[in-house]
Protein backbone atom coordinates (compact mmCIF):
# COMPACT_ATOMS: atom_id res chain seq x y z
CA MET A 1 26.69 6.51 30.02
CA PRO A 2 27.93 9.61 28.12
CA ARG A 3 27.70 7.68 24.84
CA LEU A 4 24.06 6.72 25.48
CA LYS A 5 23.27 10.30 26.47
CA ALA A 6 24.86 11.57 23.22
CA ILE A 7 22.83 9.07 21.19
CA ALA A 8 19.62 10.03 22.95
CA ASP A 9 20.35 13.75 22.48
CA TYR A 10 21.05 13.24 18.80
CA PHE A 11 17.82 11.33 18.22
CA GLY A 12 15.76 13.84 20.14
CA LYS A 13 17.17 17.00 18.63
CA CYS A 14 18.17 15.99 15.13
CA SER A 15 17.00 12.64 13.89
CA PHE A 16 13.37 12.33 14.96
CA PRO A 17 12.08 15.78 13.99
CA ARG A 18 13.46 15.69 10.45
CA HIS A 19 12.95 11.98 9.89
CA HIS A 20 9.29 11.94 10.94
CA ALA A 21 8.40 15.14 9.08
CA LEU A 22 9.69 13.68 5.82
CA GLU A 23 7.86 10.40 6.33
CA ASP A 24 4.64 12.11 7.35
CA ALA A 25 4.66 14.19 4.17
CA ILE A 26 5.15 11.08 2.02
CA PHE A 27 2.45 9.26 3.98
CA THR A 28 -0.02 12.13 3.49
CA GLU A 29 0.47 11.89 -0.27
CA LEU A 30 0.17 8.11 -0.17
CA VAL A 31 -3.17 8.28 1.66
CA LYS A 32 -4.45 10.60 -1.07
CA CYS A 33 -3.83 7.75 -3.53
CA LEU A 34 -4.91 4.95 -1.22
CA PRO A 35 -7.44 6.34 1.28
CA ASN A 36 -7.68 3.08 3.26
CA PHE A 37 -3.92 2.58 3.57
CA ARG A 38 -3.81 3.73 7.20
CA ALA A 39 -6.68 1.50 8.30
CA ASP A 40 -5.96 -1.52 6.12
CA ILE A 41 -2.17 -1.68 5.76
CA PHE A 42 -0.14 0.49 8.12
CA ASP A 43 -0.86 3.39 10.48
CA LEU A 44 2.31 5.47 10.31
CA PRO A 45 1.09 8.25 12.62
CA GLU A 46 0.29 5.68 15.31
CA ASP A 47 3.66 4.03 14.78
CA HIS A 48 5.36 7.41 15.16
CA HIS A 49 3.45 7.91 18.40
CA ALA A 50 4.67 4.54 19.69
CA SER A 51 8.23 5.37 18.61
CA LYS A 52 8.07 8.68 20.45
CA GLN A 53 6.89 6.93 23.62
CA GLU A 54 9.71 4.37 23.40
CA PHE A 55 12.16 7.22 22.94
CA ILE A 56 10.77 9.09 25.97
CA ASN A 57 11.15 5.94 28.06
CA PHE A 58 14.73 5.54 26.82
CA MET A 59 15.58 9.20 27.57
CA ARG A 60 14.17 8.91 31.08
CA ALA A 61 16.10 5.71 31.75
CA VAL A 62 19.34 7.29 30.47
CA GLY A 63 18.78 10.39 32.59
CA ARG A 64 18.14 8.37 35.73
CA GLU A 65 20.73 5.70 34.95
CA ASP A 66 18.07 3.12 35.78
CA ASP A 67 18.89 -0.47 36.61
CA ASP A 68 16.60 -1.47 33.75
CA LEU A 69 18.43 0.78 31.28
CA ALA A 70 19.59 -2.17 29.17
CA GLU A 71 16.04 -3.50 28.87
CA THR A 72 14.68 -0.05 28.02
CA ALA A 73 17.43 0.49 25.42
CA ARG A 74 16.71 -2.91 23.85
CA SER A 75 13.02 -2.07 23.68
CA PHE A 76 13.79 1.28 22.01
CA VAL A 77 16.13 -0.34 19.47
CA ALA A 78 13.67 -3.15 18.72
CA ASN A 79 10.88 -0.64 18.19
CA GLU A 80 13.03 1.48 15.87
CA ARG A 81 14.08 -1.59 13.91
CA GLY A 82 10.44 -2.61 13.41
CA HIS A 83 9.50 0.96 12.54
CA PHE A 84 12.20 1.18 9.86
CA ILE A 85 11.24 -2.18 8.39
CA SER A 86 7.57 -1.18 8.22
CA GLU A 87 8.43 2.06 6.50
CA GLU A 88 10.74 0.43 3.99
CA GLU A 89 8.54 -2.57 3.25
CA LEU A 90 5.17 -0.82 3.33
CA VAL A 91 5.12 2.97 3.19
CA PHE A 92 8.03 3.54 0.83
CA ARG A 93 7.23 0.59 -1.44
CA TYR A 94 3.63 1.69 -1.85
CA ALA A 95 4.68 5.32 -2.26
CA GLU A 96 7.12 4.34 -4.98
CA LYS A 97 4.39 2.42 -6.77
CA TYR A 98 1.42 4.77 -6.36
CA LEU A 99 2.64 8.36 -6.02
CA THR A 100 2.58 10.32 -9.24
CA PRO A 101 5.54 12.26 -10.58
CA GLU A 102 3.61 15.42 -9.68
CA GLN A 103 3.28 14.29 -6.07
CA TRP A 104 7.00 13.55 -5.86
CA ALA A 105 7.74 16.98 -7.33
CA THR A 106 5.46 18.61 -4.76
CA LEU A 107 7.21 16.71 -1.98
CA GLU A 108 10.62 17.69 -3.27
CA HIS A 109 9.69 21.38 -3.36
CA SER A 110 7.84 21.44 -0.04
CA LEU A 111 10.28 19.43 2.07
CA HIS A 112 12.99 21.96 2.64
CA ILE A 113 13.15 21.36 6.37
CA VAL A 114 15.89 23.43 7.89
CA GLU A 115 18.03 21.65 10.43
CA SER A 116 18.88 23.54 13.54
CA GLU A 117 22.38 24.96 13.79
CA GLU A 118 22.94 22.60 16.70
CA CYS A 119 22.37 19.58 14.44
CA ARG A 120 25.03 20.85 12.03
CA SER A 121 27.59 21.64 14.71
CA PRO A 122 30.81 19.66 15.35
CA ALA A 123 29.25 18.28 18.55
CA SER A 124 26.40 16.87 16.49
CA GLU A 125 28.86 15.37 14.05
CA GLN A 126 30.54 13.68 16.98
CA SER A 127 27.16 12.35 18.08
CA ALA A 128 26.45 11.15 14.55
CA ASP A 129 29.83 9.37 14.57
CA LEU A 130 28.51 7.24 17.43
CA PHE A 131 26.28 5.46 14.94
CA ALA A 132 29.06 4.67 12.46
């Protein structure tokens, strides 16, 4: 159980906040180019909401050491896998094709998200090693 707790802590404190902020910024620029992208192709904000809910369910199950922990963990992992595939196959491919060099430059300059000290600590590195 300590390994699952470390994974959940890492996702909650380090991975999700930075990961989603970067994607949301790219998505915002993409929707400027393709205003109907969200409605017609992929709704990233809604997908992030669903991912957050799956994560909350996983955290609760880990904290309680539920009997259905394995099922909840599988659901979380399956959701994340689908989320990553959707981003790679849809959001990032369209962004690569439609965002202008100026938009990429704006993103590069505006996305200096500072990680918390906790996420750069040796304990965090140990948590990150769990994924290797």
